[in-house]
Amino acid sequence: MGRIADGLEEIHELLGITLFNKWLWIIIGAMCTIILGPFLVMSVVLMSPSWVGATIMILVIIGWGIVGGYKDWSLHRRKEEKTRLAAQEAIPFNYERSSDKEKND
């Protein structure tokens, strides 16, 4: 019976550490928001008057487009930055362009 009690105490201690971990609760809260958020938005849209629901849907669609456009722009900018840095690393530090050599001659 002693080994079982020790095992239960270890499990209790591990559960205590896990349940008091703030990141666990942040993740649980984020998952609840992801699951319940769209449901609540659609409930508000369906229960509101028709012109309010239509306005909310138009604003959601416009916002979705803005966020998607910003994401594409951000990814494109990051890709350009990576290619620019890769090109800079490929050029040696003492590199002289051929036009600079011609000017010196």
PDB file of N, CA and C in Angstrom:
ATOM      1  N   MET A   1       0.823  -1.202   0.000  1.00  0.00           N
ATOM      2  CA  MET A   1       0.000   0.000   0.000  1.00  0.00           C
ATOM      3  C   MET A   1       0.858   1.254   0.000  1.00  0.00           C
ATOM      4  N   GLY A   2       2.084   1.146   0.487  1.00  0.00           N
ATOM      5  CA  GLY A   2       2.972   2.296   0.570  1.00  0.00           C
ATOM      6  C   GLY A   2       3.385   2.807  -0.800  1.00  0.00           C
ATOM      7  N   ARG A   3       3.657   1.877  -1.741  1.00  0.00           N
ATOM      8  CA  ARG A   3       4.072   2.309  -3.074  1.00  0.00           C
ATOM      9  C   ARG A   3       2.928   2.985  -3.816  1.00  0.00           C
ATOM     10  N   ILE A   4       1.727   2.513  -3.613  1.00  0.00           N
ATOM     11  CA  ILE A   4       0.564   3.135  -4.264  1.00  0.00           C
ATOM     12  C   ILE A   4       0.358   4.549  -3.728  1.00  0.00           C
ATOM     13  N   ALA A   5       0.496   4.707  -2.418  1.00  0.00           N
ATOM     14  CA  ALA A   5       0.325   6.027  -1.814  1.00  0.00           C
ATOM     15  C   ALA A   5       1.400   6.983  -2.305  1.00  0.00           C
ATOM     16  N   ASP A   6       2.646   6.494  -2.440  1.00  0.00           N
ATOM     17  CA  ASP A   6       3.722   7.350  -2.949  1.00  0.00           C
ATOM     18  C   ASP A   6       3.447   7.767  -4.394  1.00  0.00           C
ATOM     19  N   GLY A   7       2.956   6.821  -5.189  1.00  0.00           N
ATOM     20  CA  GLY A   7       2.624   7.129  -6.582  1.00  0.00           C
ATOM     21  C   GLY A   7       1.512   8.150  -6.682  1.00  0.00           C
ATOM     22  N   LEU A   8       0.497   8.019  -5.823  1.00  0.00           N
ATOM     23  CA  LEU A   8      -0.603   8.991  -5.831  1.00  0.00           C
ATOM     24  C   LEU A   8      -0.126  10.370  -5.402  1.00  0.00           C
ATOM     25  N   GLU A   9       0.812  10.407  -4.445  1.00  0.00           N
ATOM     26  CA  GLU A   9       1.352  11.703  -4.025  1.00  0.00           C
ATOM     27  C   GLU A   9       2.136  12.358  -5.148  1.00  0.00           C
ATOM     28  N   GLU A  10       2.894  11.566  -5.900  1.00  0.00           N
ATOM     29  CA  GLU A  10       3.640  12.104  -7.040  1.00  0.00           C
ATOM     30  C   GLU A  10       2.680  12.637  -8.098  1.00  0.00           C
ATOM     31  N   ILE A  11       1.630  11.879  -8.382  1.00  0.00           N
ATOM     32  CA  ILE A  11       0.637  12.335  -9.369  1.00  0.00           C
ATOM     33  C   ILE A  11      -0.034  13.606  -8.888  1.00  0.00           C
ATOM     34  N   HIS A  12      -0.371  13.661  -7.609  1.00  0.00           N
ATOM     35  CA  HIS A  12      -0.999  14.858  -7.040  1.00  0.00           C
ATOM     36  C   HIS A  12      -0.064  16.057  -7.143  1.00  0.00           C
ATOM     37  N   GLU A  13       1.222  15.849  -6.885  1.00  0.00           N
ATOM     38  CA  GLU A  13       2.199  16.941  -6.976  1.00  0.00           C
ATOM     39  C   GLU A  13       2.346  17.415  -8.417  1.00  0.00           C
ATOM     40  N   LEU A  14       2.434  16.474  -9.365  1.00  0.00           N
ATOM     41  CA  LEU A  14       2.558  16.849 -10.780  1.00  0.00           C
ATOM     42  C   LEU A  14       1.310  17.581 -11.268  1.00  0.00           C
ATOM     43  N   LEU A  15       0.130  17.117 -10.867  1.00  0.00           N
ATOM     44  CA  LEU A  15      -1.109  17.796 -11.257  1.00  0.00           C
ATOM     45  C   LEU A  15      -1.162  19.199 -10.662  1.00  0.00           C
ATOM     46  N   GLY A  16      -0.705  19.332  -9.422  1.00  0.00           N
ATOM     47  CA  GLY A  16      -0.687  20.647  -8.786  1.00  0.00           C
ATOM     48  C   GLY A  16       0.212  21.609  -9.527  1.00  0.00           C
ATOM     49  N   ILE A  17       1.392  21.125  -9.922  1.00  0.00           N
ATOM     50  CA  ILE A  17       2.320  21.975 -10.682  1.00  0.00           C
ATOM     51  C   ILE A  17       1.703  22.341 -12.028  1.00  0.00           C
ATOM     52  N   THR A  18       1.101  21.370 -12.696  1.00  0.00           N
ATOM     53  CA  THR A  18       0.518  21.609 -14.014  1.00  0.00           C
ATOM     54  C   THR A  18      -0.666  22.560 -13.942  1.00  0.00           C
ATOM     55  N   LEU A  19      -1.547  22.367 -12.984  1.00  0.00           N
ATOM     56  CA  LEU A  19      -2.751  23.191 -12.904  1.00  0.00           C
ATOM     57  C   LEU A  19      -2.458  24.632 -12.483  1.00  0.00           C
ATOM     58  N   PHE A  20      -1.333  24.856 -11.836  1.00  0.00           N
ATOM     59  CA  PHE A  20      -0.978  26.221 -11.454  1.00  0.00           C
ATOM     60  C   PHE A  20      -0.048  26.878 -12.468  1.00  0.00           C
ATOM     61  N   ASN A  21       0.208  26.204 -13.561  1.00  0.00           N
ATOM     62  CA  ASN A  21       1.031  26.777 -14.616  1.00  0.00           C
ATOM     63  C   ASN A  21       0.196  27.794 -15.390  1.00  0.00           C
ATOM     64  N   LYS A  22       0.659  29.044 -15.468  1.00  0.00           N
ATOM     65  CA  LYS A  22      -0.151  30.090 -16.108  1.00  0.00           C
ATOM     66  C   LYS A  22      -0.301  29.859 -17.610  1.00  0.00           C
ATOM     67  N   TRP A  23       0.706  29.252 -18.273  1.00  0.00           N
ATOM     68  CA  TRP A  23       0.607  29.036 -19.710  1.00  0.00           C
ATOM     69  C   TRP A  23      -0.470  28.022 -20.053  1.00  0.00           C
ATOM     70  N   LEU A  24      -0.691  27.060 -19.177  1.00  0.00           N
ATOM     71  CA  LEU A  24      -1.780  26.107 -19.403  1.00  0.00           C
ATOM     72  C   LEU A  24      -3.109  26.847 -19.473  1.00  0.00           C
ATOM     73  N   TRP A  25      -3.342  27.763 -18.566  1.00  0.00           N
ATOM     74  CA  TRP A  25      -4.604  28.491 -18.530  1.00  0.00           C
ATOM     75  C   TRP A  25      -4.702  29.505 -19.665  1.00  0.00           C
ATOM     76  N   ILE A  26      -3.567  30.045 -20.094  1.00  0.00           N
ATOM     77  CA  ILE A  26      -3.584  30.938 -21.263  1.00  0.00           C
ATOM     78  C   ILE A  26      -4.002  30.148 -22.500  1.00  0.00           C
ATOM     79  N   ILE A  27      -3.456  28.947 -22.666  1.00  0.00           N
ATOM     80  CA  ILE A  27      -3.794  28.108 -23.818  1.00  0.00           C
ATOM     81  C   ILE A  27      -5.252  27.676 -23.751  1.00  0.00           C
ATOM     82  N   ILE A  28      -5.725  27.289 -22.568  1.00  0.00           N
ATOM     83  CA  ILE A  28      -7.134  26.886 -22.422  1.00  0.00           C
ATOM     84  C   ILE A  28      -8.049  28.065 -22.732  1.00  0.00           C
ATOM     85  N   GLY A  29      -7.712  29.249 -22.241  1.00  0.00           N
ATOM     86  CA  GLY A  29      -8.524  30.438 -22.536  1.00  0.00           C
ATOM     87  C   GLY A  29      -8.526  30.777 -24.015  1.00  0.00           C
ATOM     88  N   ALA A  30      -7.361  30.669 -24.665  1.00  0.00           N
ATOM     89  CA  ALA A  30      -7.285  30.945 -26.102  1.00  0.00           C
ATOM     90  C   ALA A  30      -8.122  29.941 -26.895  1.00  0.00           C
ATOM     91  N   MET A  31      -8.074  28.679 -26.511  1.00  0.00           N
ATOM     92  CA  MET A  31      -8.861  27.671 -27.222  1.00  0.00           C
ATOM     93  C   MET A  31     -10.361  27.914 -27.036  1.00  0.00           C
ATOM     94  N   CYS A  32     -10.771  28.289 -25.839  1.00  0.00           N
ATOM     95  CA  CYS A  32     -12.188  28.599 -25.609  1.00  0.00           C
ATOM     96  C   CYS A  32     -12.617  29.802 -26.440  1.00  0.00           C
ATOM     97  N   THR A  33     -11.752  30.801 -26.537  1.00  0.00           N
ATOM     98  CA  THR A  33     -12.067  31.988 -27.343  1.00  0.00           C
ATOM     99  C   THR A  33     -12.192  31.623 -28.815  1.00  0.00           C
ATOM    100  N   ILE A  34     -11.277  30.775 -29.296  1.00  0.00           N
ATOM    101  CA  ILE A  34     -11.320  30.359 -30.697  1.00  0.00           C
ATOM    102  C   ILE A  34     -12.599  29.582 -30.988  1.00  0.00           C
ATOM    103  N   ILE A  35     -13.015  28.761 -30.053  1.00  0.00           N
ATOM    104  CA  ILE A  35     -14.212  27.943 -30.264  1.00  0.00           C
ATOM    105  C   ILE A  35     -15.489  28.766 -30.101  1.00  0.00           C
ATOM    106  N   LEU A  36     -15.561  29.583 -29.047  1.00  0.00           N
ATOM    107  CA  LEU A  36     -16.800  30.304 -28.752  1.00  0.00           C
ATOM    108  C   LEU A  36     -16.931  31.636 -29.489  1.00  0.00           C
ATOM    109  N   GLY A  37     -15.825  32.232 -29.910  1.00  0.00           N
ATOM    110  CA  GLY A  37     -15.862  33.540 -30.575  1.00  0.00           C
ATOM    111  C   GLY A  37     -16.761  33.578 -31.805  1.00  0.00           C
ATOM    112  N   PRO A  38     -16.510  32.728 -32.794  1.00  0.00           N
ATOM    113  CA  PRO A  38     -17.370  32.741 -33.980  1.00  0.00           C
ATOM    114  C   PRO A  38     -18.831  32.422 -33.665  1.00  0.00           C
ATOM    115  N   PHE A  39     -19.057  31.521 -32.719  1.00  0.00           N
ATOM    116  CA  PHE A  39     -20.428  31.196 -32.332  1.00  0.00           C
ATOM    117  C   PHE A  39     -21.140  32.428 -31.773  1.00  0.00           C
ATOM    118  N   LEU A  40     -20.453  33.166 -30.911  1.00  0.00           N
ATOM    119  CA  LEU A  40     -21.061  34.372 -30.336  1.00  0.00           C
ATOM    120  C   LEU A  40     -21.295  35.449 -31.394  1.00  0.00           C
ATOM    121  N   VAL A  41     -20.344  35.626 -32.305  1.00  0.00           N
ATOM    122  CA  VAL A  41     -20.514  36.624 -33.375  1.00  0.00           C
ATOM    123  C   VAL A  41     -21.715  36.266 -34.240  1.00  0.00           C
ATOM    124  N   MET A  42     -21.815  35.007 -34.636  1.00  0.00           N
ATOM    125  CA  MET A  42     -22.947  34.607 -35.471  1.00  0.00           C
ATOM    126  C   MET A  42     -24.265  34.709 -34.708  1.00  0.00           C
ATOM    127  N   SER A  43     -24.265  34.431 -33.413  1.00  0.00           N
ATOM    128  CA  SER A  43     -25.488  34.582 -32.612  1.00  0.00           C
ATOM    129  C   SER A  43     -25.934  36.035 -32.580  1.00  0.00           C
ATOM    130  N   VAL A  44     -24.987  36.946 -32.409  1.00  0.00           N
ATOM    131  CA  VAL A  44     -25.316  38.380 -32.395  1.00  0.00           C
ATOM    132  C   VAL A  44     -25.845  38.806 -33.759  1.00  0.00           C
ATOM    133  N   VAL A  45     -25.215  38.323 -34.826  1.00  0.00           N
ATOM    134  CA  VAL A  45     -25.651  38.688 -36.178  1.00  0.00           C
ATOM    135  C   VAL A  45     -27.066  38.177 -36.436  1.00  0.00           C
ATOM    136  N   LEU A  46     -27.342  36.945 -36.052  1.00  0.00           N
ATOM    137  CA  LEU A  46     -28.655  36.367 -36.323  1.00  0.00           C
ATOM    138  C   LEU A  46     -29.754  36.956 -35.452  1.00  0.00           C
ATOM    139  N   MET A  47     -29.432  37.407 -34.239  1.00  0.00           N
ATOM    140  CA  MET A  47     -30.454  37.943 -33.347  1.00  0.00           C
ATOM    141  C   MET A  47     -30.680  39.438 -33.532  1.00  0.00           C
ATOM    142  N   SER A  48     -29.796  40.106 -34.236  1.00  0.00           N
ATOM    143  CA  SER A  48     -29.954  41.547 -34.427  1.00  0.00           C
ATOM    144  C   SER A  48     -30.889  41.822 -35.603  1.00  0.00           C
ATOM    145  N   PRO A  49     -31.367  43.065 -35.716  1.00  0.00           N
ATOM    146  CA  PRO A  49     -32.204  43.418 -36.876  1.00  0.00           C
ATOM    147  C   PRO A  49     -31.436  43.210 -38.186  1.00  0.00           C
ATOM    148  N   SER A  50     -32.166  43.090 -39.249  1.00  0.00           N
ATOM    149  CA  SER A  50     -31.535  42.713 -40.519  1.00  0.00           C
ATOM    150  C   SER A  50     -30.477  43.714 -40.974  1.00  0.00           C
ATOM    151  N   TRP A  51     -30.722  45.015 -40.821  1.00  0.00           N
ATOM    152  CA  TRP A  51     -29.731  45.984 -41.302  1.00  0.00           C
ATOM    153  C   TRP A  51     -28.471  45.961 -40.426  1.00  0.00           C
ATOM    154  N   VAL A  52     -28.622  45.682 -39.138  1.00  0.00           N
ATOM    155  CA  VAL A  52     -27.443  45.586 -38.264  1.00  0.00           C
ATOM    156  C   VAL A  52     -26.650  44.332 -38.611  1.00  0.00           C
ATOM    157  N   GLY A  53     -27.355  43.220 -38.839  1.00  0.00           N
ATOM    158  CA  GLY A  53     -26.684  41.981 -39.214  1.00  0.00           C
ATOM    159  C   GLY A  53     -25.933  42.120 -40.527  1.00  0.00           C
ATOM    160  N   ALA A  54     -26.579  42.782 -41.494  1.00  0.00           N
ATOM    161  CA  ALA A  54     -25.925  42.990 -42.788  1.00  0.00           C
ATOM    162  C   ALA A  54     -24.696  43.879 -42.633  1.00  0.00           C
ATOM    163  N   THR A  55     -24.804  44.915 -41.816  1.00  0.00           N
ATOM    164  CA  THR A  55     -23.666  45.813 -41.589  1.00  0.00           C
ATOM    165  C   THR A  55     -22.518  45.071 -40.919  1.00  0.00           C
ATOM    166  N   ILE A  56     -22.840  44.257 -39.927  1.00  0.00           N
ATOM    167  CA  ILE A  56     -21.793  43.484 -39.241  1.00  0.00           C
ATOM    168  C   ILE A  56     -21.116  42.523 -40.211  1.00  0.00           C
ATOM    169  N   MET A  57     -21.892  41.854 -41.045  1.00  0.00           N
ATOM    170  CA  MET A  57     -21.306  40.910 -41.997  1.00  0.00           C
ATOM    171  C   MET A  57     -20.414  41.624 -43.003  1.00  0.00           C
ATOM    172  N   ILE A  58     -20.838  42.791 -43.483  1.00  0.00           N
ATOM    173  CA  ILE A  58     -20.005  43.558 -44.412  1.00  0.00           C
ATOM    174  C   ILE A  58     -18.708  43.979 -43.736  1.00  0.00           C
ATOM    175  N   LEU A  59     -18.786  44.433 -42.480  1.00  0.00           N
ATOM    176  CA  LEU A  59     -17.577  44.831 -41.756  1.00  0.00           C
ATOM    177  C   LEU A  59     -16.654  43.638 -41.505  1.00  0.00           C
ATOM    178  N   VAL A  60     -17.225  42.478 -41.221  1.00  0.00           N
ATOM    179  CA  VAL A  60     -16.406  41.272 -41.030  1.00  0.00           C
ATOM    180  C   VAL A  60     -15.694  40.911 -42.317  1.00  0.00           C
ATOM    181  N   ILE A  61     -16.396  40.973 -43.439  1.00  0.00           N
ATOM    182  CA  ILE A  61     -15.781  40.638 -44.732  1.00  0.00           C
ATOM    183  C   ILE A  61     -14.683  41.633 -45.083  1.00  0.00           C
ATOM    184  N   ILE A  62     -14.928  42.927 -44.868  1.00  0.00           N
ATOM    185  CA  ILE A  62     -13.909  43.944 -45.149  1.00  0.00           C
ATOM    186  C   ILE A  62     -12.701  43.747 -44.232  1.00  0.00           C
ATOM    187  N   GLY A  63     -12.954  43.505 -42.950  1.00  0.00           N
ATOM    188  CA  GLY A  63     -11.852  43.266 -42.013  1.00  0.00           C
ATOM    189  C   GLY A  63     -11.038  42.033 -42.384  1.00  0.00           C
ATOM    190  N   TRP A  64     -11.726  40.997 -42.814  1.00  0.00           N
ATOM    191  CA  TRP A  64     -11.063  39.773 -43.245  1.00  0.00           C
ATOM    192  C   TRP A  64     -10.147  40.063 -44.436  1.00  0.00           C
ATOM    193  N   GLY A  65     -10.625  40.852 -45.371  1.00  0.00           N
ATOM    194  CA  GLY A  65      -9.812  41.212 -46.526  1.00  0.00           C
ATOM    195  C   GLY A  65      -8.594  42.035 -46.137  1.00  0.00           C
ATOM    196  N   ILE A  66      -8.768  42.980 -45.222  1.00  0.00           N
ATOM    197  CA  ILE A  66      -7.646  43.808 -44.775  1.00  0.00           C
ATOM    198  C   ILE A  66      -6.592  42.948 -44.081  1.00  0.00           C
ATOM    199  N   VAL A  67      -7.040  42.072 -43.205  1.00  0.00           N
ATOM    200  CA  VAL A  67      -6.097  41.205 -42.483  1.00  0.00           C
ATOM    201  C   VAL A  67      -5.372  40.269 -43.453  1.00  0.00           C
ATOM    202  N   GLY A  68      -6.094  39.706 -44.408  1.00  0.00           N
ATOM    203  CA  GLY A  68      -5.465  38.829 -45.391  1.00  0.00           C
ATOM    204  C   GLY A  68      -4.462  39.569 -46.251  1.00  0.00           C
ATOM    205  N   GLY A  69      -4.798  40.783 -46.667  1.00  0.00           N
ATOM    206  CA  GLY A  69      -3.874  41.591 -47.451  1.00  0.00           C
ATOM    207  C   GLY A  69      -2.633  41.958 -46.664  1.00  0.00           C
ATOM    208  N   TYR A  70      -2.812  42.307 -45.399  1.00  0.00           N
ATOM    209  CA  TYR A  70      -1.659  42.633 -44.561  1.00  0.00           C
ATOM    210  C   TYR A  70      -0.760  41.416 -44.378  1.00  0.00           C
ATOM    211  N   LYS A  71      -1.373  40.238 -44.201  1.00  0.00           N
ATOM    212  CA  LYS A  71      -0.582  39.014 -44.048  1.00  0.00           C
ATOM    213  C   LYS A  71       0.248  38.747 -45.297  1.00  0.00           C
ATOM    214  N   ASP A  72      -0.365  38.870 -46.477  1.00  0.00           N
ATOM    215  CA  ASP A  72       0.361  38.650 -47.723  1.00  0.00           C
ATOM    216  C   ASP A  72       1.488  39.665 -47.884  1.00  0.00           C
ATOM    217  N   TRP A  73       1.218  40.932 -47.573  1.00  0.00           N
ATOM    218  CA  TRP A  73       2.229  41.978 -47.677  1.00  0.00           C
ATOM    219  C   TRP A  73       3.391  41.701 -46.719  1.00  0.00           C
ATOM    220  N   SER A  74       3.058  41.286 -45.500  1.00  0.00           N
ATOM    221  CA  SER A  74       4.079  41.011 -44.491  1.00  0.00           C
ATOM    222  C   SER A  74       4.960  39.829 -44.915  1.00  0.00           C
ATOM    223  N   LEU A  75       4.345  38.766 -45.428  1.00  0.00           N
ATOM    224  CA  LEU A  75       5.123  37.616 -45.889  1.00  0.00           C
ATOM    225  C   LEU A  75       6.007  37.985 -47.069  1.00  0.00           C
ATOM    226  N   HIS A  76       5.492  38.794 -47.993  1.00  0.00           N
ATOM    227  CA  HIS A  76       6.274  39.223 -49.151  1.00  0.00           C
ATOM    228  C   HIS A  76       7.461  40.076 -48.705  1.00  0.00           C
ATOM    229  N   ARG A  77       7.230  40.987 -47.771  1.00  0.00           N
ATOM    230  CA  ARG A  77       8.297  41.850 -47.261  1.00  0.00           C
ATOM    231  C   ARG A  77       9.366  41.018 -46.553  1.00  0.00           C
ATOM    232  N   ARG A  78       8.948  40.029 -45.771  1.00  0.00           N
ATOM    233  CA  ARG A  78       9.903  39.161 -45.070  1.00  0.00           C
ATOM    234  C   ARG A  78      10.726  38.356 -46.074  1.00  0.00           C
ATOM    235  N   LYS A  79      10.083  37.885 -47.149  1.00  0.00           N
ATOM    236  CA  LYS A  79      10.802  37.123 -48.172  1.00  0.00           C
ATOM    237  C   LYS A  79      11.817  38.016 -48.882  1.00  0.00           C
ATOM    238  N   GLU A  80      11.437  39.255 -49.203  1.00  0.00           N
ATOM    239  CA  GLU A  80      12.372  40.192 -49.823  1.00  0.00           C
ATOM    240  C   GLU A  80      13.549  40.478 -48.901  1.00  0.00           C
ATOM    241  N   GLU A  81      13.286  40.625 -47.620  1.00  0.00           N
ATOM    242  CA  GLU A  81      14.351  40.888 -46.645  1.00  0.00           C
ATOM    243  C   GLU A  81      15.327  39.710 -46.595  1.00  0.00           C
ATOM    244  N   LYS A  82      14.807  38.473 -46.618  1.00  0.00           N
ATOM    245  CA  LYS A  82      15.682  37.298 -46.599  1.00  0.00           C
ATOM    246  C   LYS A  82      16.546  37.241 -47.859  1.00  0.00           C
ATOM    247  N   THR A  83      15.958  37.509 -49.021  1.00  0.00           N
ATOM    248  CA  THR A  83      16.745  37.470 -50.259  1.00  0.00           C
ATOM    249  C   THR A  83      17.778  38.586 -50.277  1.00  0.00           C
ATOM    250  N   ARG A  84      17.434  39.761 -49.732  1.00  0.00           N
ATOM    251  CA  ARG A  84      18.395  40.867 -49.682  1.00  0.00           C
ATOM    252  C   ARG A  84      19.557  40.521 -48.757  1.00  0.00           C
ATOM    253  N   LEU A  85      19.274  39.936 -47.603  1.00  0.00           N
ATOM    254  CA  LEU A  85      20.333  39.548 -46.681  1.00  0.00           C
ATOM    255  C   LEU A  85      21.194  38.434 -47.259  1.00  0.00           C
ATOM    256  N   ALA A  86      20.578  37.489 -47.959  1.00  0.00           N
ATOM    257  CA  ALA A  86      21.337  36.409 -48.583  1.00  0.00           C
ATOM    258  C   ALA A  86      22.254  36.969 -49.665  1.00  0.00           C
ATOM    259  N   ALA A  87      21.787  37.956 -50.406  1.00  0.00           N
ATOM    260  CA  ALA A  87      22.615  38.561 -51.444  1.00  0.00           C
ATOM    261  C   ALA A  87      23.771  39.335 -50.818  1.00  0.00           C
ATOM    262  N   GLN A  88      23.532  40.003 -49.698  1.00  0.00           N
ATOM    263  CA  GLN A  88      24.609  40.738 -49.029  1.00  0.00           C
ATOM    264  C   GLN A  88      25.660  39.792 -48.482  1.00  0.00           C
ATOM    265  N   GLU A  89      25.246  38.643 -47.965  1.00  0.00           N
ATOM    266  CA  GLU A  89      26.202  37.682 -47.421  1.00  0.00           C
ATOM    267  C   GLU A  89      27.008  37.021 -48.521  1.00  0.00           C
ATOM    268  N   ALA A  90      26.454  36.942 -49.723  1.00  0.00           N
ATOM    269  CA  ALA A  90      27.156  36.311 -50.835  1.00  0.00           C
ATOM    270  C   ALA A  90      28.258  37.210 -51.384  1.00  0.00           C
ATOM    271  N   ILE A  91      28.163  38.523 -51.187  1.00  0.00           N
ATOM    272  CA  ILE A  91      29.150  39.466 -51.700  1.00  0.00           C
ATOM    273  C   ILE A  91      30.257  39.628 -50.657  1.00  0.00           C
ATOM    274  N   PRO A  92      31.528  39.413 -51.027  1.00  0.00           N
ATOM    275  CA  PRO A  92      32.615  39.607 -50.066  1.00  0.00           C
ATOM    276  C   PRO A  92      32.698  41.060 -49.621  1.00  0.00           C
ATOM    277  N   PHE A  93      33.301  41.282 -48.461  1.00  0.00           N
ATOM    278  CA  PHE A  93      33.357  42.626 -47.879  1.00  0.00           C
ATOM    279  C   PHE A  93      34.192  43.569 -48.742  1.00  0.00           C
ATOM    280  N   ASN A  94      35.304  43.104 -49.316  1.00  0.00           N
ATOM    281  CA  ASN A  94      36.199  43.958 -50.105  1.00  0.00           C
ATOM    282  C   ASN A  94      35.834  43.951 -51.586  1.00  0.00           C
ATOM    283  N   TYR A  95      34.624  43.625 -51.880  1.00  0.00           N
ATOM    284  CA  TYR A  95      34.179  43.518 -53.266  1.00  0.00           C
ATOM    285  C   TYR A  95      34.129  44.902 -53.904  1.00  0.00           C
ATOM    286  N   GLU A  96      34.761  45.025 -55.067  1.00  0.00           N
ATOM    287  CA  GLU A  96      34.680  46.261 -55.835  1.00  0.00           C
ATOM    288  C   GLU A  96      33.939  45.958 -57.122  1.00  0.00           C
ATOM    289  N   ARG A  97      33.030  46.840 -57.450  1.00  0.00           N
ATOM    290  CA  ARG A  97      32.309  46.641 -58.701  1.00  0.00           C
ATOM    291  C   ARG A  97      33.227  46.957 -59.871  1.00  0.00           C
ATOM    292  N   SER A  98      32.942  46.383 -61.011  1.00  0.00           N
ATOM    293  CA  SER A  98      33.788  46.592 -62.196  1.00  0.00           C
ATOM    294  C   SER A  98      33.786  48.059 -62.596  1.00  0.00           C
ATOM    295  N   SER A  99      32.683  48.761 -62.367  1.00  0.00           N
ATOM    296  CA  SER A  99      32.640  50.187 -62.707  1.00  0.00           C
ATOM    297  C   SER A  99      33.593  50.989 -61.817  1.00  0.00           C
ATOM    298  N   ASP A 100      33.777  50.567 -60.561  1.00  0.00           N
ATOM    299  CA  ASP A 100      34.716  51.250 -59.667  1.00  0.00           C
ATOM    300  C   ASP A 100      36.154  51.003 -60.102  1.00  0.00           C
ATOM    301  N   LYS A 101      36.458  49.797 -60.583  1.00  0.00           N
ATOM    302  CA  LYS A 101      37.822  49.497 -61.070  1.00  0.00           C
ATOM    303  C   LYS A 101      38.152  50.321 -62.290  1.00  0.00           C
ATOM    304  N   GLU A 102      37.185  50.491 -63.177  1.00  0.00           N
ATOM    305  CA  GLU A 102      37.413  51.264 -64.389  1.00  0.00           C
ATOM    306  C   GLU A 102      37.671  52.721 -64.055  1.00  0.00           C
ATOM    307  N   LYS A 103      37.022  53.260 -63.048  1.00  0.00           N
ATOM    308  CA  LYS A 103      37.229  54.644 -62.663  1.00  0.00           C
ATOM    309  C   LYS A 103      38.633  54.843 -62.100  1.00  0.00           C
ATOM    310  N   ASN A 104      39.145  53.839 -61.362  1.00  0.00           N
ATOM    311  CA  ASN A 104      40.453  53.956 -60.764  1.00  0.00           C
ATOM    312  C   ASN A 104      41.566  53.809 -61.813  1.00  0.00           C
ATOM    313  N   ASP A 105      41.315  53.127 -62.915  1.00  0.00           N
ATOM    314  CA  ASP A 105      42.337  52.915 -63.953  1.00  0.00           C
ATOM    315  C   ASP A 105      42.471  54.100 -64.817  1.00  0.00           C
TER     316      ASP A 105
END
